[in-house]
Amino acid sequence: MKMTKTLNGGNMTIALEGRLDTMTAPELETELSKSLGGAESLTLDFSNLEYISSAGLRVLLAAHKNMVKKGGMKVLHVNEVVQEVFEVTGFADILTIE
């Protein structure tokens, strides 16, 4: 998985490319714990994310819980495969998906 991080004012944007699964979820979790301290909001760009597993969902849920206390979190450009995972697991009702 490739990760690109941008801080614009108080908004942290992280673009993910590839697969967010058991092997790569810890990498995202580590990055989020390091980067979100000063961020007021988080945007996750899934334009190039091909797949998400339960390990990736766990990281998203933790980030969402953390960011709800601040300025919020949104997920952009979700493909059909990832959207279906969100819908089946109920994440579509929890996350702000644009």
PDB file of N, CA and C in Angstrom:
ATOM      1  N   MET A   1       0.846  -1.173   0.000  1.00  0.00           N
ATOM      2  CA  MET A   1       0.000   0.000   0.000  1.00  0.00           C
ATOM      3  C   MET A   1       0.894   1.239   0.000  1.00  0.00           C
ATOM      4  N   LYS A   2       0.510   2.191  -0.799  1.00  0.00           N
ATOM      5  CA  LYS A   2       1.207   3.474  -0.840  1.00  0.00           C
ATOM      6  C   LYS A   2       0.324   4.506  -0.134  1.00  0.00           C
ATOM      7  N   MET A   3       0.957   5.376   0.642  1.00  0.00           N
ATOM      8  CA  MET A   3       0.233   6.374   1.413  1.00  0.00           C
ATOM      9  C   MET A   3       0.841   7.747   1.147  1.00  0.00           C
ATOM     10  N   THR A   4      -0.026   8.727   0.832  1.00  0.00           N
ATOM     11  CA  THR A   4       0.422  10.102   0.622  1.00  0.00           C
ATOM     12  C   THR A   4      -0.317  10.981   1.605  1.00  0.00           C
ATOM     13  N   LYS A   5       0.430  11.763   2.366  1.00  0.00           N
ATOM     14  CA  LYS A   5      -0.132  12.566   3.447  1.00  0.00           C
ATOM     15  C   LYS A   5       0.043  14.056   3.140  1.00  0.00           C
ATOM     16  N   THR A   6      -1.023  14.843   3.363  1.00  0.00           N
ATOM     17  CA  THR A   6      -0.976  16.286   3.161  1.00  0.00           C
ATOM     18  C   THR A   6      -1.676  16.970   4.318  1.00  0.00           C
ATOM     19  N   LEU A   7      -1.057  18.000   4.870  1.00  0.00           N
ATOM     20  CA  LEU A   7      -1.688  18.792   5.919  1.00  0.00           C
ATOM     21  C   LEU A   7      -1.990  20.166   5.352  1.00  0.00           C
ATOM     22  N   ASN A   8      -3.260  20.543   5.342  1.00  0.00           N
ATOM     23  CA  ASN A   8      -3.701  21.835   4.827  1.00  0.00           C
ATOM     24  C   ASN A   8      -4.449  22.532   5.948  1.00  0.00           C
ATOM     25  N   GLY A   9      -3.776  23.470   6.605  1.00  0.00           N
ATOM     26  CA  GLY A   9      -4.382  24.084   7.781  1.00  0.00           C
ATOM     27  C   GLY A   9      -4.542  23.022   8.850  1.00  0.00           C
ATOM     28  N   GLY A  10      -5.764  22.824   9.309  1.00  0.00           N
ATOM     29  CA  GLY A  10      -6.029  21.809  10.321  1.00  0.00           C
ATOM     30  C   GLY A  10      -6.535  20.503   9.753  1.00  0.00           C
ATOM     31  N   ASN A  11      -6.623  20.405   8.413  1.00  0.00           N
ATOM     32  CA  ASN A  11      -7.145  19.180   7.795  1.00  0.00           C
ATOM     33  C   ASN A  11      -6.008  18.294   7.299  1.00  0.00           C
ATOM     34  N   MET A  12      -5.980  17.072   7.804  1.00  0.00           N
ATOM     35  CA  MET A  12      -5.021  16.073   7.345  1.00  0.00           C
ATOM     36  C   MET A  12      -5.713  15.230   6.275  1.00  0.00           C
ATOM     37  N   THR A  13      -5.094  15.143   5.094  1.00  0.00           N
ATOM     38  CA  THR A  13      -5.603  14.289   4.030  1.00  0.00           C
ATOM     39  C   THR A  13      -4.598  13.168   3.809  1.00  0.00           C
ATOM     40  N   ILE A  14      -5.107  11.948   3.797  1.00  0.00           N
ATOM     41  CA  ILE A  14      -4.267  10.787   3.525  1.00  0.00           C
ATOM     42  C   ILE A  14      -4.887  10.038   2.349  1.00  0.00           C
ATOM     43  N   ALA A  15      -4.117   9.923   1.279  1.00  0.00           N
ATOM     44  CA  ALA A  15      -4.552   9.174   0.090  1.00  0.00           C
ATOM     45  C   ALA A  15      -3.911   7.795   0.145  1.00  0.00           C
ATOM     46  N   LEU A  16      -4.734   6.774  -0.039  1.00  0.00           N
ATOM     47  CA  LEU A  16      -4.247   5.398   0.011  1.00  0.00           C
ATOM     48  C   LEU A  16      -4.319   4.775  -1.373  1.00  0.00           C
ATOM     49  N   GLU A  17      -3.318   3.972  -1.689  1.00  0.00           N
ATOM     50  CA  GLU A  17      -3.265   3.300  -2.981  1.00  0.00           C
ATOM     51  C   GLU A  17      -2.920   1.829  -2.750  1.00  0.00           C
ATOM     52  N   GLY A  18      -3.700   0.943  -3.337  1.00  0.00           N
ATOM     53  CA  GLY A  18      -3.430  -0.485  -3.191  1.00  0.00           C
ATOM     54  C   GLY A  18      -4.465  -1.159  -2.320  1.00  0.00           C
ATOM     55  N   ARG A  19      -3.995  -1.959  -1.352  1.00  0.00           N
ATOM     56  CA  ARG A  19      -4.874  -2.748  -0.495  1.00  0.00           C
ATOM     57  C   ARG A  19      -4.660  -2.366   0.966  1.00  0.00           C
ATOM     58  N   LEU A  20      -5.754  -2.171   1.681  1.00  0.00           N
ATOM     59  CA  LEU A  20      -5.699  -1.940   3.123  1.00  0.00           C
ATOM     60  C   LEU A  20      -6.165  -3.234   3.780  1.00  0.00           C
ATOM     61  N   ASP A  21      -5.190  -4.057   4.182  1.00  0.00           N
ATOM     62  CA  ASP A  21      -5.505  -5.383   4.693  1.00  0.00           C
ATOM     63  C   ASP A  21      -4.654  -5.687   5.922  1.00  0.00           C
ATOM     64  N   THR A  22      -4.601  -6.942   6.296  1.00  0.00           N
ATOM     65  CA  THR A  22      -3.881  -7.361   7.496  1.00  0.00           C
ATOM     66  C   THR A  22      -2.413  -6.952   7.459  1.00  0.00           C
ATOM     67  N   MET A  23      -1.825  -6.963   6.293  1.00  0.00           N
ATOM     68  CA  MET A  23      -0.405  -6.627   6.164  1.00  0.00           C
ATOM     69  C   MET A  23      -0.148  -5.124   6.217  1.00  0.00           C
ATOM     70  N   THR A  24      -1.084  -4.311   5.716  1.00  0.00           N
ATOM     71  CA  THR A  24      -0.841  -2.877   5.594  1.00  0.00           C
ATOM     72  C   THR A  24      -1.572  -2.030   6.634  1.00  0.00           C
ATOM     73  N   ALA A  25      -2.583  -2.581   7.279  1.00  0.00           N
ATOM     74  CA  ALA A  25      -3.346  -1.815   8.277  1.00  0.00           C
ATOM     75  C   ALA A  25      -2.470  -1.275   9.417  1.00  0.00           C
ATOM     76  N   PRO A  26      -1.511  -2.061   9.927  1.00  0.00           N
ATOM     77  CA  PRO A  26      -0.654  -1.511  10.989  1.00  0.00           C
ATOM     78  C   PRO A  26       0.134  -0.277  10.549  1.00  0.00           C
ATOM     79  N   GLU A  27       0.508  -0.228   9.270  1.00  0.00           N
ATOM     80  CA  GLU A  27       1.229   0.934   8.740  1.00  0.00           C
ATOM     81  C   GLU A  27       0.346   2.190   8.807  1.00  0.00           C
ATOM     82  N   LEU A  28      -0.924   2.049   8.398  1.00  0.00           N
ATOM     83  CA  LEU A  28      -1.844   3.177   8.468  1.00  0.00           C
ATOM     84  C   LEU A  28      -2.118   3.560   9.913  1.00  0.00           C
ATOM     85  N   GLU A  29      -2.289   2.573  10.767  1.00  0.00           N
ATOM     86  CA  GLU A  29      -2.544   2.838  12.188  1.00  0.00           C
ATOM     87  C   GLU A  29      -1.402   3.625  12.819  1.00  0.00           C
ATOM     88  N   THR A  30      -0.180   3.246  12.512  1.00  0.00           N
ATOM     89  CA  THR A  30       1.002   3.953  13.021  1.00  0.00           C
ATOM     90  C   THR A  30       1.038   5.384  12.504  1.00  0.00           C
ATOM     91  N   GLU A  31       0.779   5.560  11.220  1.00  0.00           N
ATOM     92  CA  GLU A  31       0.795   6.898  10.620  1.00  0.00           C
ATOM     93  C   GLU A  31      -0.278   7.786  11.247  1.00  0.00           C
ATOM     94  N   LEU A  32      -1.465   7.247  11.446  1.00  0.00           N
ATOM     95  CA  LEU A  32      -2.551   8.029  12.038  1.00  0.00           C
ATOM     96  C   LEU A  32      -2.220   8.430  13.476  1.00  0.00           C
ATOM     97  N   SER A  33      -1.645   7.533  14.237  1.00  0.00           N
ATOM     98  CA  SER A  33      -1.322   7.872  15.629  1.00  0.00           C
ATOM     99  C   SER A  33      -0.249   8.957  15.697  1.00  0.00           C
ATOM    100  N   LYS A  34       0.665   8.983  14.725  1.00  0.00           N
ATOM    101  CA  LYS A  34       1.703  10.015  14.683  1.00  0.00           C
ATOM    102  C   LYS A  34       1.170  11.344  14.164  1.00  0.00           C
ATOM    103  N   SER A  35       0.284  11.302  13.181  1.00  0.00           N
ATOM    104  CA  SER A  35      -0.075  12.493  12.421  1.00  0.00           C
ATOM    105  C   SER A  35      -1.303  13.248  12.915  1.00  0.00           C
ATOM    106  N   LEU A  36      -2.179  12.604  13.649  1.00  0.00           N
ATOM    107  CA  LEU A  36      -3.460  13.235  13.960  1.00  0.00           C
ATOM    108  C   LEU A  36      -3.444  14.119  15.193  1.00  0.00           C
ATOM    109  N   GLY A  37      -2.332  14.173  15.892  1.00  0.00           N
ATOM    110  CA  GLY A  37      -2.262  15.000  17.104  1.00  0.00           C
ATOM    111  C   GLY A  37      -2.668  16.438  16.877  1.00  0.00           C
ATOM    112  N   GLY A  38      -2.170  17.069  15.828  1.00  0.00           N
ATOM    113  CA  GLY A  38      -2.463  18.469  15.564  1.00  0.00           C
ATOM    114  C   GLY A  38      -3.581  18.692  14.561  1.00  0.00           C
ATOM    115  N   ALA A  39      -4.100  17.625  13.992  1.00  0.00           N
ATOM    116  CA  ALA A  39      -5.131  17.771  12.961  1.00  0.00           C
ATOM    117  C   ALA A  39      -6.505  17.981  13.586  1.00  0.00           C
ATOM    118  N   GLU A  40      -7.273  18.875  12.991  1.00  0.00           N
ATOM    119  CA  GLU A  40      -8.642  19.136  13.446  1.00  0.00           C
ATOM    120  C   GLU A  40      -9.643  18.232  12.732  1.00  0.00           C
ATOM    121  N   SER A  41      -9.309  17.828  11.494  1.00  0.00           N
ATOM    122  CA  SER A  41     -10.176  16.934  10.737  1.00  0.00           C
ATOM    123  C   SER A  41      -9.315  16.027   9.863  1.00  0.00           C
ATOM    124  N   LEU A  42      -9.924  14.922   9.437  1.00  0.00           N
ATOM    125  CA  LEU A  42      -9.210  13.939   8.635  1.00  0.00           C
ATOM    126  C   LEU A  42     -10.023  13.615   7.388  1.00  0.00           C
ATOM    127  N   THR A  43      -9.352  13.640   6.241  1.00  0.00           N
ATOM    128  CA  THR A  43      -9.954  13.212   4.985  1.00  0.00           C
ATOM    129  C   THR A  43      -9.134  12.038   4.462  1.00  0.00           C
ATOM    130  N   LEU A  44      -9.819  10.938   4.175  1.00  0.00           N
ATOM    131  CA  LEU A  44      -9.172   9.776   3.585  1.00  0.00           C
ATOM    132  C   LEU A  44      -9.601   9.684   2.130  1.00  0.00           C
ATOM    133  N   ASP A  45      -8.647   9.742   1.230  1.00  0.00           N
ATOM    134  CA  ASP A  45      -8.919   9.674  -0.207  1.00  0.00           C
ATOM    135  C   ASP A  45      -8.680   8.242  -0.670  1.00  0.00           C
ATOM    136  N   PHE A  46      -9.768   7.569  -1.055  1.00  0.00           N
ATOM    137  CA  PHE A  46      -9.695   6.171  -1.467  1.00  0.00           C
ATOM    138  C   PHE A  46      -9.752   6.022  -2.987  1.00  0.00           C
ATOM    139  N   SER A  47      -9.387   7.068  -3.735  1.00  0.00           N
ATOM    140  CA  SER A  47      -9.424   7.022  -5.205  1.00  0.00           C
ATOM    141  C   SER A  47      -8.720   5.798  -5.765  1.00  0.00           C
ATOM    142  N   ASN A  48      -7.597   5.437  -5.166  1.00  0.00           N
ATOM    143  CA  ASN A  48      -6.787   4.332  -5.679  1.00  0.00           C
ATOM    144  C   ASN A  48      -6.714   3.152  -4.722  1.00  0.00           C
ATOM    145  N   LEU A  49      -7.658   3.090  -3.771  1.00  0.00           N
ATOM    146  CA  LEU A  49      -7.710   1.944  -2.866  1.00  0.00           C
ATOM    147  C   LEU A  49      -8.537   0.848  -3.520  1.00  0.00           C
ATOM    148  N   GLU A  50      -7.938  -0.321  -3.674  1.00  0.00           N
ATOM    149  CA  GLU A  50      -8.586  -1.426  -4.384  1.00  0.00           C
ATOM    150  C   GLU A  50      -9.415  -2.314  -3.472  1.00  0.00           C
ATOM    151  N   TYR A  51      -9.011  -2.431  -2.203  1.00  0.00           N
ATOM    152  CA  TYR A  51      -9.603  -3.434  -1.319  1.00  0.00           C
ATOM    153  C   TYR A  51      -9.410  -3.016   0.130  1.00  0.00           C
ATOM    154  N   ILE A  52     -10.366  -3.376   0.993  1.00  0.00           N
ATOM    155  CA  ILE A  52     -10.219  -3.162   2.428  1.00  0.00           C
ATOM    156  C   ILE A  52     -10.686  -4.415   3.159  1.00  0.00           C
ATOM    157  N   SER A  53      -9.912  -4.839   4.144  1.00  0.00           N
ATOM    158  CA  SER A  53     -10.258  -6.022   4.930  1.00  0.00           C
ATOM    159  C   SER A  53     -10.758  -5.594   6.306  1.00  0.00           C
ATOM    160  N   SER A  54     -11.078  -6.570   7.135  1.00  0.00           N
ATOM    161  CA  SER A  54     -11.545  -6.269   8.489  1.00  0.00           C
ATOM    162  C   SER A  54     -10.470  -5.552   9.302  1.00  0.00           C
ATOM    163  N   ALA A  55      -9.215  -5.846   9.037  1.00  0.00           N
ATOM    164  CA  ALA A  55      -8.124  -5.152   9.731  1.00  0.00           C
ATOM    165  C   ALA A  55      -8.123  -3.670   9.362  1.00  0.00           C
ATOM    166  N   GLY A  56      -8.370  -3.373   8.107  1.00  0.00           N
ATOM    167  CA  GLY A  56      -8.469  -1.980   7.664  1.00  0.00           C
ATOM    168  C   GLY A  56      -9.673  -1.293   8.268  1.00  0.00           C
ATOM    169  N   LEU A  57     -10.789  -2.008   8.359  1.00  0.00           N
ATOM    170  CA  LEU A  57     -12.000  -1.439   8.967  1.00  0.00           C
ATOM    171  C   LEU A  57     -11.758  -1.078  10.429  1.00  0.00           C
ATOM    172  N   ARG A  58     -11.020  -1.928  11.131  1.00  0.00           N
ATOM    173  CA  ARG A  58     -10.715  -1.659  12.542  1.00  0.00           C
ATOM    174  C   ARG A  58      -9.935  -0.352  12.689  1.00  0.00           C
ATOM    175  N   VAL A  59      -8.975  -0.122  11.810  1.00  0.00           N
ATOM    176  CA  VAL A  59      -8.181   1.107  11.847  1.00  0.00           C
ATOM    177  C   VAL A  59      -9.076   2.325  11.543  1.00  0.00           C
ATOM    178  N   LEU A  60      -9.967   2.178  10.560  1.00  0.00           N
ATOM    179  CA  LEU A  60     -10.893   3.273  10.231  1.00  0.00           C
ATOM    180  C   LEU A  60     -11.807   3.592  11.395  1.00  0.00           C
ATOM    181  N   LEU A  61     -12.309   2.571  12.076  1.00  0.00           N
ATOM    182  CA  LEU A  61     -13.209   2.791  13.207  1.00  0.00           C
ATOM    183  C   LEU A  61     -12.491   3.526  14.332  1.00  0.00           C
ATOM    184  N   ALA A  62     -11.263   3.142  14.627  1.00  0.00           N
ATOM    185  CA  ALA A  62     -10.481   3.821  15.666  1.00  0.00           C
ATOM    186  C   ALA A  62     -10.222   5.281  15.286  1.00  0.00           C
ATOM    187  N   ALA A  63      -9.876   5.517  14.027  1.00  0.00           N
ATOM    188  CA  ALA A  63      -9.634   6.890  13.562  1.00  0.00           C
ATOM    189  C   ALA A  63     -10.917   7.707  13.646  1.00  0.00           C
ATOM    190  N   HIS A  64     -12.029   7.109  13.256  1.00  0.00           N
ATOM    191  CA  HIS A  64     -13.319   7.797  13.310  1.00  0.00           C
ATOM    192  C   HIS A  64     -13.662   8.196  14.739  1.00  0.00           C
ATOM    193  N   LYS A  65     -13.488   7.279  15.686  1.00  0.00           N
ATOM    194  CA  LYS A  65     -13.771   7.581  17.100  1.00  0.00           C
ATOM    195  C   LYS A  65     -12.896   8.728  17.596  1.00  0.00           C
ATOM    196  N   ASN A  66     -11.640   8.732  17.189  1.00  0.00           N
ATOM    197  CA  ASN A  66     -10.713   9.781  17.575  1.00  0.00           C
ATOM    198  C   ASN A  66     -11.105  11.132  16.969  1.00  0.00           C
ATOM    199  N   MET A  67     -11.472  11.135  15.689  1.00  0.00           N
ATOM    200  CA  MET A  67     -11.742  12.388  14.988  1.00  0.00           C
ATOM    201  C   MET A  67     -13.128  12.960  15.289  1.00  0.00           C
ATOM    202  N   VAL A  68     -14.067  12.142  15.736  1.00  0.00           N
ATOM    203  CA  VAL A  68     -15.389  12.651  16.108  1.00  0.00           C
ATOM    204  C   VAL A  68     -15.258  13.662  17.252  1.00  0.00           C
ATOM    205  N   LYS A  69     -14.267  13.455  18.116  1.00  0.00           N
ATOM    206  CA  LYS A  69     -14.021  14.361  19.239  1.00  0.00           C
ATOM    207  C   LYS A  69     -13.448  15.697  18.754  1.00  0.00           C
ATOM    208  N   LYS A  70     -12.930  15.700  17.539  1.00  0.00           N
ATOM    209  CA  LYS A  70     -12.320  16.910  16.976  1.00  0.00           C
ATOM    210  C   LYS A  70     -13.250  17.474  15.904  1.00  0.00           C
ATOM    211  N   GLY A  71     -12.756  17.585  14.673  1.00  0.00           N
ATOM    212  CA  GLY A  71     -13.541  18.174  13.598  1.00  0.00           C
ATOM    213  C   GLY A  71     -14.191  17.197  12.654  1.00  0.00           C
ATOM    214  N   GLY A  72     -13.992  15.898  12.886  1.00  0.00           N
ATOM    215  CA  GLY A  72     -14.638  14.897  12.048  1.00  0.00           C
ATOM    216  C   GLY A  72     -13.710  14.236  11.056  1.00  0.00           C
ATOM    217  N   MET A  73     -14.285  13.257  10.349  1.00  0.00           N
ATOM    218  CA  MET A  73     -13.540  12.475   9.369  1.00  0.00           C
ATOM    219  C   MET A  73     -14.464  12.165   8.206  1.00  0.00           C
ATOM    220  N   LYS A  74     -13.916  12.227   6.996  1.00  0.00           N
ATOM    221  CA  LYS A  74     -14.696  11.834   5.821  1.00  0.00           C
ATOM    222  C   LYS A  74     -13.839  10.992   4.899  1.00  0.00           C
ATOM    223  N   VAL A  75     -14.520  10.166   4.109  1.00  0.00           N
ATOM    224  CA  VAL A  75     -13.863   9.268   3.165  1.00  0.00           C
ATOM    225  C   VAL A  75     -14.344   9.656   1.766  1.00  0.00           C
ATOM    226  N   LEU A  76     -13.389   9.869   0.858  1.00  0.00           N
ATOM    227  CA  LEU A  76     -13.712  10.310  -0.498  1.00  0.00           C
ATOM    228  C   LEU A  76     -13.394   9.233  -1.528  1.00  0.00           C
ATOM    229  N   HIS A  77     -14.134   9.267  -2.648  1.00  0.00           N
ATOM    230  CA  HIS A  77     -13.822   8.489  -3.851  1.00  0.00           C
ATOM    231  C   HIS A  77     -13.725   6.980  -3.590  1.00  0.00           C
ATOM    232  N   VAL A  78     -14.760   6.422  -2.995  1.00  0.00           N
ATOM    233  CA  VAL A  78     -14.789   5.001  -2.668  1.00  0.00           C
ATOM    234  C   VAL A  78     -15.257   4.201  -3.887  1.00  0.00           C
ATOM    235  N   ASN A  79     -14.511   3.168  -4.252  1.00  0.00           N
ATOM    236  CA  ASN A  79     -14.921   2.342  -5.399  1.00  0.00           C
ATOM    237  C   ASN A  79     -16.031   1.366  -4.975  1.00  0.00           C
ATOM    238  N   GLU A  80     -16.561   0.637  -5.942  1.00  0.00           N
ATOM    239  CA  GLU A  80     -17.693  -0.264  -5.691  1.00  0.00           C
ATOM    240  C   GLU A  80     -17.348  -1.393  -4.723  1.00  0.00           C
ATOM    241  N   VAL A  81     -16.154  -1.941  -4.836  1.00  0.00           N
ATOM    242  CA  VAL A  81     -15.745  -3.054  -3.973  1.00  0.00           C
ATOM    243  C   VAL A  81     -15.688  -2.606  -2.516  1.00  0.00           C
ATOM    244  N   VAL A  82     -15.027  -1.483  -2.269  1.00  0.00           N
ATOM    245  CA  VAL A  82     -14.903  -0.962  -0.907  1.00  0.00           C
ATOM    246  C   VAL A  82     -16.270  -0.504  -0.390  1.00  0.00           C
ATOM    247  N   GLN A  83     -17.070   0.127  -1.237  1.00  0.00           N
ATOM    248  CA  GLN A  83     -18.400   0.574  -0.833  1.00  0.00           C
ATOM    249  C   GLN A  83     -19.264  -0.614  -0.408  1.00  0.00           C
ATOM    250  N   GLU A  84     -19.152  -1.717  -1.127  1.00  0.00           N
ATOM    251  CA  GLU A  84     -19.927  -2.902  -0.767  1.00  0.00           C
ATOM    252  C   GLU A  84     -19.509  -3.426   0.610  1.00  0.00           C
ATOM    253  N   VAL A  85     -18.218  -3.413   0.898  1.00  0.00           N
ATOM    254  CA  VAL A  85     -17.736  -3.824   2.218  1.00  0.00           C
ATOM    255  C   VAL A  85     -18.315  -2.888   3.284  1.00  0.00           C
ATOM    256  N   PHE A  86     -18.311  -1.584   3.006  1.00  0.00           N
ATOM    257  CA  PHE A  86     -18.874  -0.624   3.955  1.00  0.00           C
ATOM    258  C   PHE A  86     -20.358  -0.891   4.200  1.00  0.00           C
ATOM    259  N   GLU A  87     -21.087  -1.201   3.152  1.00  0.00           N
ATOM    260  CA  GLU A  87     -22.529  -1.432   3.290  1.00  0.00           C
ATOM    261  C   GLU A  87     -22.823  -2.724   4.047  1.00  0.00           C
ATOM    262  N   VAL A  88     -22.121  -3.798   3.727  1.00  0.00           N
ATOM    263  CA  VAL A  88     -22.353  -5.088   4.377  1.00  0.00           C
ATOM    264  C   VAL A  88     -22.011  -5.028   5.867  1.00  0.00           C
ATOM    265  N   THR A  89     -20.975  -4.281   6.210  1.00  0.00           N
ATOM    266  CA  THR A  89     -20.519  -4.218   7.606  1.00  0.00           C
ATOM    267  C   THR A  89     -21.204  -3.117   8.420  1.00  0.00           C
ATOM    268  N   GLY A  90     -21.985  -2.263   7.770  1.00  0.00           N
ATOM    269  CA  GLY A  90     -22.636  -1.166   8.486  1.00  0.00           C
ATOM    270  C   GLY A  90     -21.792   0.097   8.566  1.00  0.00           C
ATOM    271  N   PHE A  91     -20.587   0.069   8.028  1.00  0.00           N
ATOM    272  CA  PHE A  91     -19.730   1.253   8.049  1.00  0.00           C
ATOM    273  C   PHE A  91     -20.307   2.395   7.221  1.00  0.00           C
ATOM    274  N   ALA A  92     -21.127   2.053   6.229  1.00  0.00           N
ATOM    275  CA  ALA A  92     -21.753   3.089   5.401  1.00  0.00           C
ATOM    276  C   ALA A  92     -22.666   3.976   6.243  1.00  0.00           C
ATOM    277  N   ASP A  93     -23.170   3.448   7.350  1.00  0.00           N
ATOM    278  CA  ASP A  93     -24.029   4.222   8.243  1.00  0.00           C
ATOM    279  C   ASP A  93     -23.235   5.021   9.264  1.00  0.00           C
ATOM    280  N   ILE A  94     -21.997   4.635   9.477  1.00  0.00           N
ATOM    281  CA  ILE A  94     -21.156   5.289  10.485  1.00  0.00           C
ATOM    282  C   ILE A  94     -20.286   6.391   9.882  1.00  0.00           C
ATOM    283  N   LEU A  95     -19.663   6.090   8.748  1.00  0.00           N
ATOM    284  CA  LEU A  95     -18.704   7.010   8.131  1.00  0.00           C
ATOM    285  C   LEU A  95     -19.394   8.044   7.243  1.00  0.00           C
ATOM    286  N   THR A  96     -18.755   9.191   7.093  1.00  0.00           N
ATOM    287  CA  THR A  96     -19.177  10.189   6.113  1.00  0.00           C
ATOM    288  C   THR A  96     -18.435   9.861   4.829  1.00  0.00           C
ATOM    289  N   ILE A  97     -19.201   9.398   3.829  1.00  0.00           N
ATOM    290  CA  ILE A  97     -18.608   8.974   2.560  1.00  0.00           C
ATOM    291  C   ILE A  97     -19.094   9.918   1.463  1.00  0.00           C
ATOM    292  N   GLU A  98     -18.172  10.519   0.764  1.00  0.00           N
ATOM    293  CA  GLU A  98     -18.520  11.466  -0.312  1.00  0.00           C
ATOM    294  C   GLU A  98     -17.969  10.983  -1.630  1.00  0.00           C
TER     295      GLU A  98
END
